């Protein structure tokens, strides 16, 4: 996986996240979080735990160009029961200065291609209802809104809905 990705182009590469990437991953996450009214309390220790908890079956990847981390994505188990083993939660984050350059859609294509090789049949994305750009992005990539959890997000007295988007790969 430490080679250039034909979907994203020869200059970009997707590779497993390493502990040294944690500050960059956190920065990208906090930058994204700052665009909403919801603060999740994610810390450097949280990101280190995410990286250490990843596995070949539930990878955590970074997207980089010339040793600069531009974005990341992670696959996590969806529910924990054996009957849901082929469904995963997907998170994709691109640094703001690199957004709107088709990096996220290329990264999503990369994930979908590799997911099928890992016996993953369904990808699920959780998106705050206030995050209209992410909703539009996933819709444009063939994801459908499968549900909504009203007022489940709470931060600083603000309530928010969590949208559930999904796509079946098989």
N, C-alpha and C. Protein backbone atom coordinates (compact mmCIF):
# COMPACT_ATOMS: atom_id res chain seq x y z
N UNK A 1 0.82 -1.19 0.00
CA UNK A 1 0.00 0.00 0.00
C UNK A 1 0.86 1.25 0.00
N UNK A 2 2.16 1.14 0.13
CA UNK A 2 3.06 2.30 0.12
C UNK A 2 3.47 2.68 -1.29
N UNK A 3 2.57 2.55 -2.22
CA UNK A 3 2.87 2.94 -3.59
C UNK A 3 1.82 3.95 -4.05
N UNK A 4 2.07 4.56 -5.16
CA UNK A 4 1.12 5.52 -5.71
C UNK A 4 -0.19 4.81 -6.04
N UNK A 5 -1.28 5.52 -5.92
CA UNK A 5 -2.59 4.97 -6.16
C UNK A 5 -3.09 5.40 -7.54
N UNK A 6 -3.40 4.46 -8.44
CA UNK A 6 -3.84 4.85 -9.77
C UNK A 6 -5.15 5.63 -9.77
N UNK A 7 -6.02 5.43 -8.78
CA UNK A 7 -7.27 6.17 -8.71
C UNK A 7 -6.98 7.64 -8.43
N UNK A 8 -6.07 7.92 -7.52
CA UNK A 8 -5.79 9.29 -7.11
C UNK A 8 -4.70 9.94 -7.94
N UNK A 9 -3.93 9.18 -8.66
CA UNK A 9 -2.85 9.75 -9.46
C UNK A 9 -1.50 9.36 -8.92
N UNK A 10 -0.51 9.47 -9.76
CA UNK A 10 0.84 9.03 -9.40
C UNK A 10 1.48 9.88 -8.31
N UNK A 11 1.08 11.13 -8.20
CA UNK A 11 1.71 12.02 -7.23
C UNK A 11 1.19 11.82 -5.80
N UNK A 12 0.02 11.30 -5.67
CA UNK A 12 -0.60 11.09 -4.37
C UNK A 12 -0.45 9.64 -3.95
N UNK A 13 -0.39 9.43 -2.64
CA UNK A 13 -0.37 8.04 -2.19
C UNK A 13 -1.20 7.90 -0.93
N UNK A 14 -1.74 6.73 -0.78
CA UNK A 14 -2.50 6.36 0.41
C UNK A 14 -1.68 5.30 1.11
N UNK A 15 -1.49 5.48 2.41
CA UNK A 15 -0.71 4.52 3.19
C UNK A 15 -1.32 4.41 4.58
N UNK A 16 -0.99 3.34 5.29
CA UNK A 16 -1.48 3.21 6.67
C UNK A 16 -0.96 4.36 7.54
N UNK A 17 -1.83 4.85 8.40
CA UNK A 17 -1.44 5.92 9.33
C UNK A 17 -0.41 5.38 10.31
N UNK A 18 0.53 6.25 10.67
CA UNK A 18 1.56 5.93 11.66
C UNK A 18 1.43 6.91 12.82
N UNK A 19 2.01 6.55 13.95
CA UNK A 19 1.90 7.42 15.13
C UNK A 19 2.41 8.83 14.86
N UNK A 20 3.43 8.95 14.01
CA UNK A 20 3.98 10.26 13.69
C UNK A 20 2.97 11.14 12.95
N UNK A 21 1.93 10.53 12.37
CA UNK A 21 0.90 11.27 11.66
C UNK A 21 -0.15 11.86 12.59
N UNK A 22 -0.17 11.43 13.84
CA UNK A 22 -1.25 11.81 14.76
C UNK A 22 -1.47 13.32 14.85
N UNK A 23 -0.44 14.16 14.99
CA UNK A 23 -0.71 15.61 15.07
C UNK A 23 -1.38 16.17 13.81
N UNK A 24 -1.01 15.65 12.64
CA UNK A 24 -1.61 16.11 11.40
C UNK A 24 -3.06 15.65 11.30
N UNK A 25 -3.32 14.42 11.70
CA UNK A 25 -4.68 13.88 11.69
C UNK A 25 -5.56 14.68 12.63
N UNK A 26 -5.06 14.97 13.82
CA UNK A 26 -5.82 15.76 14.78
C UNK A 26 -6.11 17.15 14.22
N UNK A 27 -5.12 17.78 13.63
CA UNK A 27 -5.30 19.11 13.07
C UNK A 27 -6.39 19.12 12.01
N UNK A 28 -6.39 18.13 11.13
CA UNK A 28 -7.42 18.04 10.08
C UNK A 28 -8.79 17.81 10.70
N UNK A 29 -8.86 16.95 11.71
CA UNK A 29 -10.14 16.69 12.37
C UNK A 29 -10.66 17.96 13.04
N UNK A 30 -9.82 18.65 13.79
CA UNK A 30 -10.25 19.86 14.50
C UNK A 30 -10.64 20.96 13.52
N UNK A 31 -9.95 21.04 12.41
CA UNK A 31 -10.29 22.02 11.37
C UNK A 31 -11.70 21.75 10.84
N UNK A 32 -12.01 20.49 10.63
CA UNK A 32 -13.34 20.11 10.16
C UNK A 32 -14.39 20.38 11.23
N UNK A 33 -14.05 20.02 12.45
CA UNK A 33 -14.98 20.21 13.57
C UNK A 33 -15.29 21.70 13.79
N UNK A 34 -14.32 22.57 13.52
CA UNK A 34 -14.50 24.01 13.71
C UNK A 34 -15.55 24.58 12.77
N UNK A 35 -15.88 23.86 11.72
CA UNK A 35 -16.89 24.32 10.77
C UNK A 35 -18.30 24.05 11.27
N UNK A 36 -18.43 23.39 12.42
CA UNK A 36 -19.74 23.13 13.02
C UNK A 36 -19.76 23.70 14.43
N UNK A 37 -20.92 23.66 15.05
CA UNK A 37 -21.05 24.13 16.43
C UNK A 37 -20.78 23.02 17.43
N UNK A 38 -20.37 21.86 16.95
CA UNK A 38 -20.19 20.71 17.83
C UNK A 38 -18.72 20.41 18.06
N UNK A 39 -18.36 20.32 19.31
CA UNK A 39 -16.98 20.02 19.68
C UNK A 39 -16.99 18.68 20.40
N UNK A 40 -16.23 17.73 19.85
CA UNK A 40 -16.29 16.37 20.37
C UNK A 40 -15.26 16.02 21.42
N UNK A 41 -14.35 16.94 21.74
CA UNK A 41 -13.36 16.63 22.74
C UNK A 41 -12.28 15.68 22.28
N UNK A 42 -12.04 15.60 20.97
CA UNK A 42 -11.01 14.72 20.44
C UNK A 42 -9.65 15.33 20.75
N UNK A 43 -8.75 14.49 21.23
CA UNK A 43 -7.41 14.93 21.62
C UNK A 43 -6.36 14.13 20.86
N UNK A 44 -5.11 14.49 21.05
CA UNK A 44 -4.02 13.74 20.44
C UNK A 44 -4.04 12.29 20.93
N UNK A 45 -4.38 12.10 22.20
CA UNK A 45 -4.46 10.73 22.73
C UNK A 45 -5.57 9.94 22.03
N UNK A 46 -6.68 10.61 21.70
CA UNK A 46 -7.77 9.95 20.97
C UNK A 46 -7.26 9.45 19.62
N UNK A 47 -6.54 10.31 18.92
CA UNK A 47 -6.04 9.96 17.59
C UNK A 47 -5.02 8.83 17.68
N UNK A 48 -4.15 8.89 18.66
CA UNK A 48 -3.19 7.80 18.85
C UNK A 48 -3.92 6.48 19.08
N UNK A 49 -4.99 6.52 19.86
CA UNK A 49 -5.79 5.32 20.10
C UNK A 49 -6.43 4.83 18.80
N UNK A 50 -6.92 5.75 17.98
CA UNK A 50 -7.51 5.36 16.69
C UNK A 50 -6.47 4.62 15.85
N UNK A 51 -5.28 5.18 15.77
CA UNK A 51 -4.23 4.58 14.95
C UNK A 51 -3.84 3.21 15.50
N UNK A 52 -3.64 3.14 16.82
CA UNK A 52 -3.24 1.87 17.43
C UNK A 52 -4.34 0.81 17.35
N UNK A 53 -5.59 1.24 17.27
CA UNK A 53 -6.71 0.30 17.19
C UNK A 53 -6.98 -0.17 15.77
N UNK A 54 -6.35 0.46 14.80
CA UNK A 54 -6.60 0.06 13.41
C UNK A 54 -5.96 -1.29 13.14
N UNK A 55 -6.43 -1.91 12.06
CA UNK A 55 -5.93 -3.23 11.68
C UNK A 55 -6.08 -3.36 10.16
N UNK A 56 -5.53 -4.40 9.58
CA UNK A 56 -5.74 -4.59 8.14
C UNK A 56 -7.22 -4.73 7.78
N UNK A 57 -8.02 -5.27 8.70
CA UNK A 57 -9.45 -5.43 8.47
C UNK A 57 -10.20 -4.13 8.68
N UNK A 58 -9.69 -3.26 9.54
CA UNK A 58 -10.31 -1.96 9.84
C UNK A 58 -9.21 -0.90 9.79
N UNK A 59 -8.79 -0.57 8.57
CA UNK A 59 -7.62 0.30 8.40
C UNK A 59 -7.87 1.77 8.69
N UNK A 60 -6.79 2.44 8.95
CA UNK A 60 -6.74 3.90 9.11
C UNK A 60 -5.67 4.36 8.14
N UNK A 61 -6.08 5.08 7.10
CA UNK A 61 -5.17 5.49 6.05
C UNK A 61 -4.98 7.00 6.04
N UNK A 62 -3.83 7.44 5.58
CA UNK A 62 -3.62 8.86 5.31
C UNK A 62 -3.38 9.04 3.82
N UNK A 63 -3.77 10.19 3.33
CA UNK A 63 -3.53 10.60 1.95
C UNK A 63 -2.43 11.64 1.99
N UNK A 64 -1.37 11.41 1.22
CA UNK A 64 -0.27 12.37 1.27
C UNK A 64 0.28 12.66 -0.11
N UNK A 65 0.93 13.80 -0.17
CA UNK A 65 1.64 14.25 -1.36
C UNK A 65 2.95 14.86 -0.88
N UNK A 66 4.06 14.38 -1.40
CA UNK A 66 5.39 14.90 -1.03
C UNK A 66 5.55 14.96 0.50
N UNK A 67 5.20 13.87 1.15
CA UNK A 67 5.31 13.74 2.60
C UNK A 67 4.44 14.72 3.40
N UNK A 68 3.44 15.30 2.75
CA UNK A 68 2.48 16.17 3.43
C UNK A 68 1.16 15.43 3.54
N UNK A 69 0.67 15.24 4.77
CA UNK A 69 -0.62 14.59 4.98
C UNK A 69 -1.71 15.60 4.63
N UNK A 70 -2.52 15.23 3.65
CA UNK A 70 -3.57 16.11 3.15
C UNK A 70 -4.96 15.69 3.64
N UNK A 71 -5.06 14.45 4.08
CA UNK A 71 -6.34 13.94 4.52
C UNK A 71 -6.18 12.55 5.09
N UNK A 72 -7.28 12.02 5.58
CA UNK A 72 -7.24 10.68 6.15
C UNK A 72 -8.62 10.05 6.07
N UNK A 73 -8.63 8.74 6.21
CA UNK A 73 -9.89 8.02 6.29
C UNK A 73 -9.70 6.80 7.17
N UNK A 74 -10.79 6.38 7.76
CA UNK A 74 -10.74 5.22 8.66
C UNK A 74 -12.00 4.39 8.48
N UNK A 75 -11.83 3.10 8.63
CA UNK A 75 -12.95 2.16 8.64
C UNK A 75 -13.02 1.54 10.03
N UNK A 76 -14.21 1.58 10.61
CA UNK A 76 -14.41 1.00 11.95
C UNK A 76 -15.57 0.03 11.91
N UNK A 77 -15.52 -0.97 12.76
CA UNK A 77 -16.63 -1.92 12.83
C UNK A 77 -17.92 -1.17 13.11
N UNK A 78 -18.97 -1.60 12.45
CA UNK A 78 -20.25 -0.90 12.54
C UNK A 78 -20.99 -1.16 13.84
N UNK A 79 -21.11 -2.39 14.24
CA UNK A 79 -21.98 -2.68 15.38
C UNK A 79 -21.40 -3.68 16.37
N UNK A 80 -20.55 -4.55 15.93
CA UNK A 80 -19.91 -5.48 16.86
C UNK A 80 -20.47 -6.89 16.89
N UNK A 81 -21.57 -7.13 16.22
CA UNK A 81 -22.12 -8.48 16.15
C UNK A 81 -21.65 -9.16 14.87
N UNK A 82 -21.47 -10.48 14.90
CA UNK A 82 -20.98 -11.18 13.71
C UNK A 82 -21.82 -10.94 12.45
N UNK A 83 -23.13 -10.79 12.60
CA UNK A 83 -23.98 -10.60 11.42
C UNK A 83 -23.75 -9.24 10.75
N UNK A 84 -23.07 -8.33 11.43
CA UNK A 84 -22.77 -7.02 10.86
C UNK A 84 -21.30 -6.89 10.45
N UNK A 85 -20.56 -7.99 10.41
CA UNK A 85 -19.12 -7.93 10.14
C UNK A 85 -18.79 -7.31 8.79
N UNK A 86 -19.68 -7.42 7.82
CA UNK A 86 -19.42 -6.87 6.50
C UNK A 86 -19.83 -5.42 6.33
N UNK A 87 -20.31 -4.79 7.40
CA UNK A 87 -20.68 -3.38 7.37
C UNK A 87 -19.69 -2.60 8.23
N UNK A 88 -19.25 -1.46 7.72
CA UNK A 88 -18.30 -0.65 8.47
C UNK A 88 -18.71 0.82 8.45
N UNK A 89 -18.27 1.51 9.48
CA UNK A 89 -18.41 2.96 9.54
C UNK A 89 -17.22 3.57 8.83
N UNK A 90 -17.48 4.57 8.02
CA UNK A 90 -16.47 5.24 7.22
C UNK A 90 -16.36 6.70 7.64
N UNK A 91 -15.13 7.15 7.82
CA UNK A 91 -14.88 8.57 8.06
C UNK A 91 -13.82 9.06 7.08
N UNK A 92 -14.08 10.18 6.41
CA UNK A 92 -13.12 10.79 5.49
C UNK A 92 -12.99 12.26 5.84
N UNK A 93 -11.74 12.71 5.95
CA UNK A 93 -11.46 14.11 6.26
C UNK A 93 -10.33 14.61 5.36
N UNK A 94 -10.53 15.76 4.74
CA UNK A 94 -9.52 16.38 3.89
C UNK A 94 -9.22 17.77 4.46
N UNK A 95 -7.95 18.11 4.54
CA UNK A 95 -7.54 19.42 5.02
C UNK A 95 -8.21 20.49 4.15
N UNK A 96 -8.69 21.57 4.78
CA UNK A 96 -9.49 22.59 4.09
C UNK A 96 -8.82 23.13 2.83
N UNK A 97 -7.53 23.39 2.87
CA UNK A 97 -6.87 23.98 1.70
C UNK A 97 -6.82 23.04 0.51
N UNK A 98 -7.08 21.75 0.73
CA UNK A 98 -7.05 20.78 -0.35
C UNK A 98 -8.45 20.30 -0.75
N UNK A 99 -9.49 20.85 -0.13
CA UNK A 99 -10.85 20.44 -0.47
C UNK A 99 -11.23 20.97 -1.83
N UNK A 100 -12.25 20.35 -2.41
CA UNK A 100 -12.79 20.72 -3.72
C UNK A 100 -11.78 20.47 -4.85
N UNK A 101 -10.91 19.48 -4.65
CA UNK A 101 -9.95 19.09 -5.69
C UNK A 101 -10.12 17.62 -6.05
N UNK A 102 -11.27 17.06 -5.71
CA UNK A 102 -11.62 15.66 -5.97
C UNK A 102 -10.78 14.67 -5.18
N UNK A 103 -10.08 15.14 -4.16
CA UNK A 103 -9.28 14.24 -3.34
C UNK A 103 -10.18 13.31 -2.53
N UNK A 104 -11.25 13.86 -1.96
CA UNK A 104 -12.15 13.03 -1.15
C UNK A 104 -12.83 11.97 -2.00
N UNK A 105 -13.26 12.34 -3.21
CA UNK A 105 -13.92 11.33 -4.05
C UNK A 105 -12.92 10.27 -4.51
N UNK A 106 -11.68 10.67 -4.80
CA UNK A 106 -10.66 9.68 -5.14
C UNK A 106 -10.35 8.77 -3.97
N UNK A 107 -10.28 9.35 -2.77
CA UNK A 107 -10.03 8.55 -1.57
C UNK A 107 -11.20 7.61 -1.31
N UNK A 108 -12.42 8.07 -1.54
CA UNK A 108 -13.58 7.22 -1.37
C UNK A 108 -13.57 6.06 -2.37
N UNK A 109 -13.18 6.32 -3.61
CA UNK A 109 -13.05 5.24 -4.59
C UNK A 109 -12.00 4.22 -4.14
N UNK A 110 -10.90 4.71 -3.61
CA UNK A 110 -9.86 3.84 -3.08
C UNK A 110 -10.42 2.95 -1.97
N UNK A 111 -11.15 3.55 -1.05
CA UNK A 111 -11.75 2.81 0.07
C UNK A 111 -12.72 1.76 -0.45
N UNK A 112 -13.59 2.15 -1.36
CA UNK A 112 -14.58 1.20 -1.88
C UNK A 112 -13.91 0.03 -2.59
N UNK A 113 -12.87 0.30 -3.35
CA UNK A 113 -12.14 -0.77 -4.03
C UNK A 113 -11.53 -1.74 -3.01
N UNK A 114 -10.88 -1.21 -1.99
CA UNK A 114 -10.24 -2.07 -0.99
C UNK A 114 -11.26 -2.73 -0.06
N UNK A 115 -12.38 -2.09 0.16
CA UNK A 115 -13.41 -2.67 1.03
C UNK A 115 -13.91 -3.98 0.45
N UNK A 116 -14.12 -4.02 -0.83
CA UNK A 116 -14.61 -5.25 -1.44
C UNK A 116 -13.59 -6.38 -1.30
N UNK A 117 -12.31 -6.06 -1.30
CA UNK A 117 -11.27 -7.07 -1.10
C UNK A 117 -11.22 -7.54 0.36
N UNK A 118 -11.82 -6.78 1.28
CA UNK A 118 -11.81 -7.12 2.70
C UNK A 118 -13.16 -7.71 3.14
N UNK A 119 -13.97 -8.15 2.17
CA UNK A 119 -15.30 -8.72 2.45
C UNK A 119 -16.23 -7.73 3.14
N UNK A 120 -16.07 -6.47 2.82
CA UNK A 120 -16.98 -5.43 3.33
C UNK A 120 -18.01 -5.19 2.24
N UNK A 121 -19.29 -5.29 2.61
CA UNK A 121 -20.36 -5.12 1.64
C UNK A 121 -21.13 -3.82 1.80
N UNK A 122 -20.97 -3.16 2.95
CA UNK A 122 -21.75 -1.95 3.20
C UNK A 122 -20.89 -0.92 3.92
N UNK A 123 -20.95 0.33 3.43
CA UNK A 123 -20.26 1.45 4.07
C UNK A 123 -21.31 2.41 4.63
N UNK A 124 -21.10 2.83 5.87
CA UNK A 124 -22.02 3.73 6.55
C UNK A 124 -21.25 4.95 7.01
N UNK A 125 -21.82 6.14 6.76
CA UNK A 125 -21.20 7.39 7.19
C UNK A 125 -22.17 8.14 8.08
N UNK A 126 -21.68 8.60 9.22
CA UNK A 126 -22.48 9.43 10.12
C UNK A 126 -22.10 10.88 9.89
N UNK A 127 -23.11 11.72 9.66
CA UNK A 127 -22.86 13.13 9.34
C UNK A 127 -23.81 14.00 10.14
N UNK A 128 -23.27 15.02 10.79
CA UNK A 128 -24.14 15.97 11.49
C UNK A 128 -25.05 16.68 10.49
N UNK A 129 -26.30 16.90 10.87
CA UNK A 129 -27.24 17.52 9.95
C UNK A 129 -26.79 18.92 9.53
N UNK A 130 -26.01 19.59 10.35
CA UNK A 130 -25.50 20.91 10.02
C UNK A 130 -24.40 20.87 8.96
N UNK A 131 -23.83 19.70 8.70
CA UNK A 131 -22.73 19.58 7.76
C UNK A 131 -23.27 19.28 6.36
N UNK A 132 -23.81 20.30 5.73
CA UNK A 132 -24.44 20.14 4.43
C UNK A 132 -23.44 19.76 3.35
N UNK A 133 -22.20 20.25 3.45
CA UNK A 133 -21.19 19.91 2.43
C UNK A 133 -20.90 18.42 2.43
N UNK A 134 -20.77 17.81 3.61
CA UNK A 134 -20.51 16.36 3.66
C UNK A 134 -21.71 15.58 3.16
N UNK A 135 -22.91 16.03 3.50
CA UNK A 135 -24.10 15.34 3.00
C UNK A 135 -24.12 15.37 1.47
N UNK A 136 -23.86 16.54 0.90
CA UNK A 136 -23.85 16.67 -0.56
C UNK A 136 -22.75 15.82 -1.19
N UNK A 137 -21.59 15.80 -0.55
CA UNK A 137 -20.49 14.98 -1.06
C UNK A 137 -20.89 13.52 -1.15
N UNK A 138 -21.40 12.97 -0.04
CA UNK A 138 -21.75 11.55 -0.05
C UNK A 138 -22.89 11.26 -1.02
N UNK A 139 -23.86 12.16 -1.13
CA UNK A 139 -24.93 11.97 -2.11
C UNK A 139 -24.36 11.93 -3.52
N UNK A 140 -23.42 12.82 -3.81
CA UNK A 140 -22.84 12.87 -5.15
C UNK A 140 -22.02 11.61 -5.47
N UNK A 141 -21.64 10.88 -4.45
CA UNK A 141 -20.86 9.64 -4.62
C UNK A 141 -21.74 8.40 -4.55
N UNK A 142 -23.06 8.58 -4.63
CA UNK A 142 -23.97 7.43 -4.68
C UNK A 142 -24.46 6.93 -3.34
N UNK A 143 -24.20 7.67 -2.27
CA UNK A 143 -24.69 7.28 -0.95
C UNK A 143 -26.10 7.84 -0.77
N UNK A 144 -26.90 7.10 -0.01
CA UNK A 144 -28.27 7.51 0.27
C UNK A 144 -28.43 7.77 1.75
N UNK A 145 -29.34 8.66 2.08
CA UNK A 145 -29.65 8.86 3.50
C UNK A 145 -30.53 7.70 3.95
N UNK A 146 -30.02 6.95 4.91
CA UNK A 146 -30.74 5.79 5.41
C UNK A 146 -31.46 6.06 6.73
N UNK A 147 -31.14 7.16 7.35
CA UNK A 147 -31.81 7.44 8.61
C UNK A 147 -31.33 8.74 9.22
N UNK A 148 -31.97 9.06 10.36
CA UNK A 148 -31.61 10.26 11.10
C UNK A 148 -31.89 10.01 12.57
N UNK A 149 -30.94 10.39 13.41
CA UNK A 149 -31.10 10.28 14.85
C UNK A 149 -31.27 11.70 15.39
N UNK A 150 -32.50 12.08 15.77
CA UNK A 150 -32.76 13.47 16.15
C UNK A 150 -32.14 13.83 17.51
N UNK A 151 -31.54 15.01 17.53
CA UNK A 151 -31.00 15.61 18.76
C UNK A 151 -30.04 14.72 19.53
N UNK A 152 -29.35 13.84 18.86
CA UNK A 152 -28.41 12.94 19.54
C UNK A 152 -27.07 13.62 19.80
N UNK A 153 -26.74 14.63 18.99
CA UNK A 153 -25.49 15.38 19.18
C UNK A 153 -25.77 16.56 20.10
N UNK A 154 -24.92 16.72 21.10
CA UNK A 154 -25.08 17.82 22.06
C UNK A 154 -23.73 18.38 22.40
N UNK A 155 -23.62 19.71 22.28
CA UNK A 155 -22.36 20.37 22.58
C UNK A 155 -22.65 21.81 22.98
N UNK A 156 -22.24 22.17 24.18
CA UNK A 156 -22.42 23.55 24.64
C UNK A 156 -23.87 24.00 24.61
N UNK A 157 -24.79 23.13 24.90
CA UNK A 157 -26.21 23.49 24.91
C UNK A 157 -26.87 23.44 23.54
N UNK A 158 -26.13 23.11 22.50
CA UNK A 158 -26.67 23.03 21.15
C UNK A 158 -27.02 21.58 20.85
N UNK A 159 -28.20 21.37 20.29
CA UNK A 159 -28.65 20.03 19.90
C UNK A 159 -28.51 19.88 18.39
N UNK A 160 -28.20 18.66 17.96
CA UNK A 160 -28.08 18.41 16.52
C UNK A 160 -28.46 17.00 16.16
N UNK A 161 -28.93 16.86 14.95
CA UNK A 161 -29.31 15.56 14.43
C UNK A 161 -28.11 14.89 13.78
N UNK A 162 -28.09 13.58 13.84
CA UNK A 162 -27.05 12.81 13.17
C UNK A 162 -27.69 12.08 12.01
N UNK A 163 -27.17 12.35 10.81
CA UNK A 163 -27.69 11.71 9.60
C UNK A 163 -26.89 10.43 9.35
N UNK A 164 -27.56 9.42 8.86
CA UNK A 164 -26.92 8.15 8.54
C UNK A 164 -27.00 7.98 7.03
N UNK A 165 -25.84 7.94 6.39
CA UNK A 165 -25.76 7.71 4.94
C UNK A 165 -25.11 6.36 4.71
N UNK A 166 -25.51 5.69 3.67
CA UNK A 166 -24.94 4.38 3.41
C UNK A 166 -24.91 4.04 1.94
N UNK A 167 -24.11 3.03 1.66
CA UNK A 167 -24.00 2.52 0.29
C UNK A 167 -23.69 1.03 0.37
N UNK A 168 -24.43 0.25 -0.39
CA UNK A 168 -24.17 -1.19 -0.50
C UNK A 168 -23.20 -1.39 -1.66
N UNK A 169 -22.13 -2.13 -1.39
CA UNK A 169 -21.12 -2.38 -2.41
C UNK A 169 -21.39 -3.67 -3.18
N UNK A 170 -22.33 -4.47 -2.72
CA UNK A 170 -22.60 -5.74 -3.42
C UNK A 170 -24.06 -5.87 -3.75
